[in-house]
């Protein structure tokens, strides 16, 4: 049985303003919307093959840096890797 372990539901239910520079709360929620829309399978299937090697490395480096800076090891395993043992 293939149970889905990732969720992208915030973007489906958020009805607030999407825009940056208004206030911290709106910026945070807007970023969540953008990132969830960005991670859509169809969008990534179209976009990723068009990225240069440098762009792929840059995106990977940014995500990795943010994860390392803001998640504890246990959070990384649980939230990012979806490792249920940690």
PDB file of N, CA and C in Angstrom:
ATOM      1  N   UNK A   1       0.843  -1.191   0.000  1.00  0.00           N
ATOM      2  CA  UNK A   1       0.000   0.000   0.000  1.00  0.00           C
ATOM      3  C   UNK A   1       0.885   1.251   0.000  1.00  0.00           C
ATOM      4  N   UNK A   2       0.663   2.147  -0.932  1.00  0.00           N
ATOM      5  CA  UNK A   2       1.447   3.362  -1.058  1.00  0.00           C
ATOM      6  C   UNK A   2       0.745   4.505  -0.329  1.00  0.00           C
ATOM      7  N   UNK A   3       1.168   4.755   0.887  1.00  0.00           N
ATOM      8  CA  UNK A   3       0.568   5.824   1.680  1.00  0.00           C
ATOM      9  C   UNK A   3       1.338   7.123   1.449  1.00  0.00           C
ATOM     10  N   UNK A   4       0.626   8.170   1.111  1.00  0.00           N
ATOM     11  CA  UNK A   4       1.276   9.463   0.907  1.00  0.00           C
ATOM     12  C   UNK A   4       1.737  10.011   2.240  1.00  0.00           C
ATOM     13  N   UNK A   5       2.983  10.495   2.268  1.00  0.00           N
ATOM     14  CA  UNK A   5       3.527  11.022   3.511  1.00  0.00           C
ATOM     15  C   UNK A   5       3.807  12.525   3.445  1.00  0.00           C
ATOM     16  N   UNK A   6       3.705  13.091   2.254  1.00  0.00           N
ATOM     17  CA  UNK A   6       3.911  14.537   2.118  1.00  0.00           C
ATOM     18  C   UNK A   6       2.557  15.227   2.007  1.00  0.00           C
ATOM     19  N   UNK A   7       2.507  16.436   2.512  1.00  0.00           N
ATOM     20  CA  UNK A   7       1.260  17.197   2.413  1.00  0.00           C
ATOM     21  C   UNK A   7       1.538  18.581   1.832  1.00  0.00           C
ATOM     22  N   UNK A   8       0.605  19.051   1.080  1.00  0.00           N
ATOM     23  CA  UNK A   8       0.677  20.392   0.489  1.00  0.00           C
ATOM     24  C   UNK A   8      -0.720  21.012   0.559  1.00  0.00           C
ATOM     25  N   UNK A   9      -1.270  21.082   1.743  1.00  0.00           N
ATOM     26  CA  UNK A   9      -2.655  21.511   1.875  1.00  0.00           C
ATOM     27  C   UNK A   9      -2.833  22.984   2.208  1.00  0.00           C
ATOM     28  N   UNK A  10      -1.778  23.632   2.713  1.00  0.00           N
ATOM     29  CA  UNK A  10      -1.925  25.045   3.078  1.00  0.00           C
ATOM     30  C   UNK A  10      -2.416  25.865   1.891  1.00  0.00           C
ATOM     31  N   UNK A  11      -1.789  25.661   0.748  1.00  0.00           N
ATOM     32  CA  UNK A  11      -2.126  26.427  -0.450  1.00  0.00           C
ATOM     33  C   UNK A  11      -3.576  26.178  -0.888  1.00  0.00           C
ATOM     34  N   UNK A  12      -4.092  25.006  -0.583  1.00  0.00           N
ATOM     35  CA  UNK A  12      -5.457  24.662  -0.975  1.00  0.00           C
ATOM     36  C   UNK A  12      -6.509  25.374  -0.133  1.00  0.00           C
ATOM     37  N   UNK A  13      -6.140  25.780   1.069  1.00  0.00           N
ATOM     38  CA  UNK A  13      -7.125  26.335   1.995  1.00  0.00           C
ATOM     39  C   UNK A  13      -6.905  27.810   2.351  1.00  0.00           C
ATOM     40  N   UNK A  14      -5.732  28.337   2.062  1.00  0.00           N
ATOM     41  CA  UNK A  14      -5.419  29.720   2.431  1.00  0.00           C
ATOM     42  C   UNK A  14      -6.229  30.684   1.570  1.00  0.00           C
ATOM     43  N   UNK A  15      -6.897  31.602   2.211  1.00  0.00           N
ATOM     44  CA  UNK A  15      -7.726  32.572   1.497  1.00  0.00           C
ATOM     45  C   UNK A  15      -7.275  34.009   1.717  1.00  0.00           C
ATOM     46  N   UNK A  16      -6.147  34.174   2.378  1.00  0.00           N
ATOM     47  CA  UNK A  16      -5.657  35.516   2.684  1.00  0.00           C
ATOM     48  C   UNK A  16      -4.878  36.124   1.534  1.00  0.00           C
ATOM     49  N   UNK A  17      -4.337  37.281   1.803  1.00  0.00           N
ATOM     50  CA  UNK A  17      -3.536  38.029   0.843  1.00  0.00           C
ATOM     51  C   UNK A  17      -2.253  37.269   0.523  1.00  0.00           C
ATOM     52  N   UNK A  18      -1.888  37.236  -0.741  1.00  0.00           N
ATOM     53  CA  UNK A  18      -0.600  36.705  -1.157  1.00  0.00           C
ATOM     54  C   UNK A  18       0.185  37.878  -1.726  1.00  0.00           C
ATOM     55  N   UNK A  19       1.173  38.294  -0.990  1.00  0.00           N
ATOM     56  CA  UNK A  19       1.997  39.421  -1.385  1.00  0.00           C
ATOM     57  C   UNK A  19       3.074  39.631  -0.350  1.00  0.00           C
ATOM     58  N   UNK A  20       4.123  40.304  -0.726  1.00  0.00           N
ATOM     59  CA  UNK A  20       5.251  40.493   0.182  1.00  0.00           C
ATOM     60  C   UNK A  20       5.438  41.963   0.517  1.00  0.00           C
ATOM     61  N   UNK A  21       5.889  42.188   1.756  1.00  0.00           N
ATOM     62  CA  UNK A  21       6.200  43.534   2.199  1.00  0.00           C
ATOM     63  C   UNK A  21       5.116  44.199   3.016  1.00  0.00           C
ATOM     64  N   UNK A  22       3.983  43.534   3.202  1.00  0.00           N
ATOM     65  CA  UNK A  22       2.889  44.132   3.977  1.00  0.00           C
ATOM     66  C   UNK A  22       3.146  43.999   5.467  1.00  0.00           C
ATOM     67  N   UNK A  23       3.347  42.777   5.932  1.00  0.00           N
ATOM     68  CA  UNK A  23       3.707  42.507   7.323  1.00  0.00           C
ATOM     69  C   UNK A  23       4.303  41.113   7.407  1.00  0.00           C
ATOM     70  N   UNK A  24       4.923  40.795   8.535  1.00  0.00           N
ATOM     71  CA  UNK A  24       5.608  39.511   8.690  1.00  0.00           C
ATOM     72  C   UNK A  24       4.656  38.329   8.493  1.00  0.00           C
ATOM     73  N   UNK A  25       3.476  38.375   9.093  1.00  0.00           N
ATOM     74  CA  UNK A  25       2.530  37.266   8.990  1.00  0.00           C
ATOM     75  C   UNK A  25       2.125  37.006   7.540  1.00  0.00           C
ATOM     76  N   UNK A  26       1.824  38.063   6.809  1.00  0.00           N
ATOM     77  CA  UNK A  26       1.452  37.911   5.402  1.00  0.00           C
ATOM     78  C   UNK A  26       2.632  37.409   4.587  1.00  0.00           C
ATOM     79  N   UNK A  27       3.836  37.905   4.883  1.00  0.00           N
ATOM     80  CA  UNK A  27       5.032  37.425   4.187  1.00  0.00           C
ATOM     81  C   UNK A  27       5.227  35.925   4.404  1.00  0.00           C
ATOM     82  N   UNK A  28       5.076  35.474   5.658  1.00  0.00           N
ATOM     83  CA  UNK A  28       5.247  34.052   5.962  1.00  0.00           C
ATOM     84  C   UNK A  28       4.219  33.197   5.220  1.00  0.00           C
ATOM     85  N   UNK A  29       2.972  33.607   5.262  1.00  0.00           N
ATOM     86  CA  UNK A  29       1.919  32.839   4.598  1.00  0.00           C
ATOM     87  C   UNK A  29       2.074  32.885   3.082  1.00  0.00           C
ATOM     88  N   UNK A  30       2.482  34.026   2.553  1.00  0.00           N
ATOM     89  CA  UNK A  30       2.716  34.139   1.112  1.00  0.00           C
ATOM     90  C   UNK A  30       3.860  33.238   0.678  1.00  0.00           C
ATOM     91  N   UNK A  31       4.912  33.176   1.482  1.00  0.00           N
ATOM     92  CA  UNK A  31       6.023  32.285   1.158  1.00  0.00           C
ATOM     93  C   UNK A  31       5.564  30.833   1.157  1.00  0.00           C
ATOM     94  N   UNK A  32       4.736  30.455   2.114  1.00  0.00           N
ATOM     95  CA  UNK A  32       4.203  29.092   2.152  1.00  0.00           C
ATOM     96  C   UNK A  32       3.405  28.789   0.886  1.00  0.00           C
ATOM     97  N   UNK A  33       2.584  29.729   0.460  1.00  0.00           N
ATOM     98  CA  UNK A  33       1.801  29.544  -0.770  1.00  0.00           C
ATOM     99  C   UNK A  33       2.742  29.385  -1.967  1.00  0.00           C
ATOM    100  N   UNK A  34       3.709  30.285  -2.102  1.00  0.00           N
ATOM    101  CA  UNK A  34       4.639  30.233  -3.233  1.00  0.00           C
ATOM    102  C   UNK A  34       5.405  28.917  -3.260  1.00  0.00           C
ATOM    103  N   UNK A  35       5.899  28.483  -2.099  1.00  0.00           N
ATOM    104  CA  UNK A  35       6.691  27.259  -2.059  1.00  0.00           C
ATOM    105  C   UNK A  35       5.840  26.036  -2.372  1.00  0.00           C
ATOM    106  N   UNK A  36       4.604  26.010  -1.880  1.00  0.00           N
ATOM    107  CA  UNK A  36       3.747  24.870  -2.185  1.00  0.00           C
ATOM    108  C   UNK A  36       3.353  24.869  -3.661  1.00  0.00           C
ATOM    109  N   UNK A  37       3.097  26.025  -4.231  1.00  0.00           N
ATOM    110  CA  UNK A  37       2.799  26.091  -5.660  1.00  0.00           C
ATOM    111  C   UNK A  37       4.043  25.701  -6.473  1.00  0.00           C
ATOM    112  N   UNK A  38       5.211  26.131  -6.004  1.00  0.00           N
ATOM    113  CA  UNK A  38       6.474  25.827  -6.673  1.00  0.00           C
ATOM    114  C   UNK A  38       6.747  24.325  -6.671  1.00  0.00           C
ATOM    115  N   UNK A  39       6.348  23.637  -5.607  1.00  0.00           N
ATOM    116  CA  UNK A  39       6.647  22.208  -5.497  1.00  0.00           C
ATOM    117  C   UNK A  39       5.601  21.324  -6.169  1.00  0.00           C
ATOM    118  N   UNK A  40       4.662  21.907  -6.856  1.00  0.00           N
ATOM    119  CA  UNK A  40       3.667  21.134  -7.596  1.00  0.00           C
ATOM    120  C   UNK A  40       4.375  20.254  -8.630  1.00  0.00           C
ATOM    121  N   UNK A  41       3.978  18.991  -8.688  1.00  0.00           N
ATOM    122  CA  UNK A  41       4.638  18.037  -9.582  1.00  0.00           C
ATOM    123  C   UNK A  41       4.667  18.502 -11.036  1.00  0.00           C
ATOM    124  N   UNK A  42       3.561  19.012 -11.543  1.00  0.00           N
ATOM    125  CA  UNK A  42       3.501  19.432 -12.947  1.00  0.00           C
ATOM    126  C   UNK A  42       4.424  20.624 -13.211  1.00  0.00           C
ATOM    127  N   UNK A  43       4.446  21.575 -12.287  1.00  0.00           N
ATOM    128  CA  UNK A  43       5.324  22.735 -12.456  1.00  0.00           C
ATOM    129  C   UNK A  43       6.782  22.297 -12.441  1.00  0.00           C
ATOM    130  N   UNK A  44       7.152  21.466 -11.461  1.00  0.00           N
ATOM    131  CA  UNK A  44       8.543  21.026 -11.379  1.00  0.00           C
ATOM    132  C   UNK A  44       8.948  20.198 -12.592  1.00  0.00           C
ATOM    133  N   UNK A  45       8.040  19.387 -13.102  1.00  0.00           N
ATOM    134  CA  UNK A  45       8.344  18.586 -14.286  1.00  0.00           C
ATOM    135  C   UNK A  45       8.649  19.479 -15.495  1.00  0.00           C
ATOM    136  N   UNK A  46       7.979  20.619 -15.576  1.00  0.00           N
ATOM    137  CA  UNK A  46       8.227  21.556 -16.677  1.00  0.00           C
ATOM    138  C   UNK A  46       9.460  22.414 -16.418  1.00  0.00           C
ATOM    139  N   UNK A  47       9.668  22.816 -15.174  1.00  0.00           N
ATOM    140  CA  UNK A  47      10.717  23.787 -14.846  1.00  0.00           C
ATOM    141  C   UNK A  47      12.097  23.169 -14.703  1.00  0.00           C
ATOM    142  N   UNK A  48      12.214  22.084 -13.960  1.00  0.00           N
ATOM    143  CA  UNK A  48      13.536  21.542 -13.613  1.00  0.00           C
ATOM    144  C   UNK A  48      14.385  21.196 -14.838  1.00  0.00           C
ATOM    145  N   UNK A  49      13.843  20.577 -15.880  1.00  0.00           N
ATOM    146  CA  UNK A  49      14.699  20.295 -17.043  1.00  0.00           C
ATOM    147  C   UNK A  49      15.236  21.550 -17.734  1.00  0.00           C
ATOM    148  N   UNK A  50      14.632  22.678 -17.489  1.00  0.00           N
ATOM    149  CA  UNK A  50      15.056  23.932 -18.125  1.00  0.00           C
ATOM    150  C   UNK A  50      16.118  24.667 -17.308  1.00  0.00           C
ATOM    151  N   UNK A  51      16.357  24.226 -16.084  1.00  0.00           N
ATOM    152  CA  UNK A  51      17.337  24.888 -15.223  1.00  0.00           C
ATOM    153  C   UNK A  51      18.751  24.533 -15.653  1.00  0.00           C
ATOM    154  N   UNK A  52      19.628  25.499 -15.505  1.00  0.00           N
ATOM    155  CA  UNK A  52      21.037  25.228 -15.770  1.00  0.00           C
ATOM    156  C   UNK A  52      21.615  24.431 -14.595  1.00  0.00           C
ATOM    157  N   UNK A  53      22.777  23.854 -14.805  1.00  0.00           N
ATOM    158  CA  UNK A  53      23.444  23.140 -13.721  1.00  0.00           C
ATOM    159  C   UNK A  53      23.675  24.064 -12.531  1.00  0.00           C
ATOM    160  N   UNK A  54      24.064  25.306 -12.797  1.00  0.00           N
ATOM    161  CA  UNK A  54      24.286  26.274 -11.723  1.00  0.00           C
ATOM    162  C   UNK A  54      22.998  26.596 -10.967  1.00  0.00           C
ATOM    163  N   UNK A  55      21.888  26.715 -11.678  1.00  0.00           N
ATOM    164  CA  UNK A  55      20.606  26.991 -11.034  1.00  0.00           C
ATOM    165  C   UNK A  55      20.159  25.819 -10.162  1.00  0.00           C
ATOM    166  N   UNK A  56      20.377  24.613 -10.635  1.00  0.00           N
ATOM    167  CA  UNK A  56      20.044  23.440  -9.823  1.00  0.00           C
ATOM    168  C   UNK A  56      20.873  23.441  -8.546  1.00  0.00           C
ATOM    169  N   UNK A  57      22.169  23.684  -8.672  1.00  0.00           N
ATOM    170  CA  UNK A  57      23.047  23.715  -7.496  1.00  0.00           C
ATOM    171  C   UNK A  57      22.642  24.845  -6.550  1.00  0.00           C
ATOM    172  N   UNK A  58      22.312  26.006  -7.097  1.00  0.00           N
ATOM    173  CA  UNK A  58      21.907  27.151  -6.285  1.00  0.00           C
ATOM    174  C   UNK A  58      20.636  26.855  -5.490  1.00  0.00           C
ATOM    175  N   UNK A  59      19.649  26.254  -6.124  1.00  0.00           N
ATOM    176  CA  UNK A  59      18.403  25.910  -5.431  1.00  0.00           C
ATOM    177  C   UNK A  59      18.670  24.881  -4.336  1.00  0.00           C
ATOM    178  N   UNK A  60      19.444  23.855  -4.657  1.00  0.00           N
ATOM    179  CA  UNK A  60      19.791  22.832  -3.663  1.00  0.00           C
ATOM    180  C   UNK A  60      20.541  23.444  -2.488  1.00  0.00           C
ATOM    181  N   UNK A  61      21.501  24.301  -2.774  1.00  0.00           N
ATOM    182  CA  UNK A  61      22.294  24.936  -1.713  1.00  0.00           C
ATOM    183  C   UNK A  61      21.429  25.804  -0.804  1.00  0.00           C
ATOM    184  N   UNK A  62      20.510  26.561  -1.382  1.00  0.00           N
ATOM    185  CA  UNK A  62      19.638  27.426  -0.581  1.00  0.00           C
ATOM    186  C   UNK A  62      18.767  26.604   0.357  1.00  0.00           C
ATOM    187  N   UNK A  63      18.111  25.598  -0.181  1.00  0.00           N
ATOM    188  CA  UNK A  63      17.232  24.763   0.644  1.00  0.00           C
ATOM    189  C   UNK A  63      18.042  24.065   1.732  1.00  0.00           C
ATOM    190  N   UNK A  64      19.179  23.510   1.371  1.00  0.00           N
ATOM    191  CA  UNK A  64      20.022  22.821   2.350  1.00  0.00           C
ATOM    192  C   UNK A  64      20.489  23.764   3.447  1.00  0.00           C
ATOM    193  N   UNK A  65      20.904  24.965   3.063  1.00  0.00           N
ATOM    194  CA  UNK A  65      21.381  25.948   4.049  1.00  0.00           C
ATOM    195  C   UNK A  65      20.272  26.326   5.021  1.00  0.00           C
ATOM    196  N   UNK A  66      19.066  26.556   4.522  1.00  0.00           N
ATOM    197  CA  UNK A  66      17.948  26.930   5.380  1.00  0.00           C
ATOM    198  C   UNK A  66      17.567  25.794   6.327  1.00  0.00           C
ATOM    199  N   UNK A  67      17.564  24.585   5.819  1.00  0.00           N
ATOM    200  CA  UNK A  67      17.244  23.432   6.669  1.00  0.00           C
ATOM    201  C   UNK A  67      18.280  23.284   7.772  1.00  0.00           C
ATOM    202  N   UNK A  68      19.567  23.343   7.409  1.00  0.00           N
ATOM    203  CA  UNK A  68      20.633  23.198   8.416  1.00  0.00           C
ATOM    204  C   UNK A  68      20.581  24.307   9.452  1.00  0.00           C
ATOM    205  N   UNK A  69      20.245  25.518   9.035  1.00  0.00           N
ATOM    206  CA  UNK A  69      20.249  26.667   9.947  1.00  0.00           C
ATOM    207  C   UNK A  69      19.057  26.680  10.896  1.00  0.00           C
ATOM    208  N   UNK A  70      17.941  26.084  10.505  1.00  0.00           N
ATOM    209  CA  UNK A  70      16.714  26.291  11.272  1.00  0.00           C
ATOM    210  C   UNK A  70      16.045  25.037  11.816  1.00  0.00           C
ATOM    211  N   UNK A  71      16.528  23.863  11.450  1.00  0.00           N
ATOM    212  CA  UNK A  71      15.936  22.638  11.986  1.00  0.00           C
ATOM    213  C   UNK A  71      16.947  21.886  12.835  1.00  0.00           C
ATOM    214  N   UNK A  72      16.487  21.392  13.959  1.00  0.00           N
ATOM    215  CA  UNK A  72      17.305  20.478  14.757  1.00  0.00           C
ATOM    216  C   UNK A  72      17.376  19.156  14.005  1.00  0.00           C
ATOM    217  N   UNK A  73      18.359  18.334  14.353  1.00  0.00           N
ATOM    218  CA  UNK A  73      18.541  17.060  13.675  1.00  0.00           C
ATOM    219  C   UNK A  73      17.280  16.214  13.712  1.00  0.00           C
ATOM    220  N   UNK A  74      16.627  16.162  14.871  1.00  0.00           N
ATOM    221  CA  UNK A  74      15.397  15.371  14.998  1.00  0.00           C
ATOM    222  C   UNK A  74      14.298  15.917  14.087  1.00  0.00           C
ATOM    223  N   UNK A  75      14.190  17.239  14.003  1.00  0.00           N
ATOM    224  CA  UNK A  75      13.187  17.860  13.131  1.00  0.00           C
ATOM    225  C   UNK A  75      13.483  17.555  11.666  1.00  0.00           C
ATOM    226  N   UNK A  76      14.748  17.605  11.292  1.00  0.00           N
ATOM    227  CA  UNK A  76      15.153  17.287   9.922  1.00  0.00           C
ATOM    228  C   UNK A  76      14.712  15.879   9.548  1.00  0.00           C
ATOM    229  N   UNK A  77      14.978  14.924  10.429  1.00  0.00           N
ATOM    230  CA  UNK A  77      14.608  13.543  10.151  1.00  0.00           C
ATOM    231  C   UNK A  77      13.092  13.353  10.108  1.00  0.00           C
ATOM    232  N   UNK A  78      12.418  13.975  11.032  1.00  0.00           N
ATOM    233  CA  UNK A  78      10.965  13.802  11.112  1.00  0.00           C
ATOM    234  C   UNK A  78      10.224  14.603  10.034  1.00  0.00           C
ATOM    235  N   UNK A  79      10.556  15.884   9.897  1.00  0.00           N
ATOM    236  CA  UNK A  79       9.791  16.772   9.027  1.00  0.00           C
ATOM    237  C   UNK A  79      10.234  16.717   7.571  1.00  0.00           C
ATOM    238  N   UNK A  80      11.529  16.608   7.322  1.00  0.00           N
ATOM    239  CA  UNK A  80      12.020  16.616   5.940  1.00  0.00           C
ATOM    240  C   UNK A  80      12.165  15.207   5.381  1.00  0.00           C
ATOM    241  N   UNK A  81      12.869  14.354   6.090  1.00  0.00           N
ATOM    242  CA  UNK A  81      13.079  12.992   5.600  1.00  0.00           C
ATOM    243  C   UNK A  81      11.872  12.088   5.808  1.00  0.00           C
ATOM    244  N   UNK A  82      10.954  12.503   6.690  1.00  0.00           N
ATOM    245  CA  UNK A  82       9.779  11.709   7.045  1.00  0.00           C
ATOM    246  C   UNK A  82      10.203  10.364   7.628  1.00  0.00           C
ATOM    247  N   UNK A  83      11.302  10.394   8.364  1.00  0.00           N
ATOM    248  CA  UNK A  83      11.840   9.217   9.024  1.00  0.00           C
ATOM    249  C   UNK A  83      11.109   9.038  10.347  1.00  0.00           C
ATOM    250  N   UNK A  84      10.270   8.063  10.430  1.00  0.00           N
ATOM    251  CA  UNK A  84       9.434   7.850  11.615  1.00  0.00           C
ATOM    252  C   UNK A  84      10.217   7.303  12.795  1.00  0.00           C
ATOM    253  N   UNK A  85      11.437   6.827  12.560  1.00  0.00           N
ATOM    254  CA  UNK A  85      12.224   6.266  13.650  1.00  0.00           C
ATOM    255  C   UNK A  85      12.869   7.346  14.499  1.00  0.00           C
ATOM    256  N   UNK A  86      12.978   8.583  14.012  1.00  0.00           N
ATOM    257  CA  UNK A  86      13.592   9.681  14.781  1.00  0.00           C
ATOM    258  C   UNK A  86      12.547  10.647  15.248  1.00  0.00           C
TER     259      UNK A  86
END
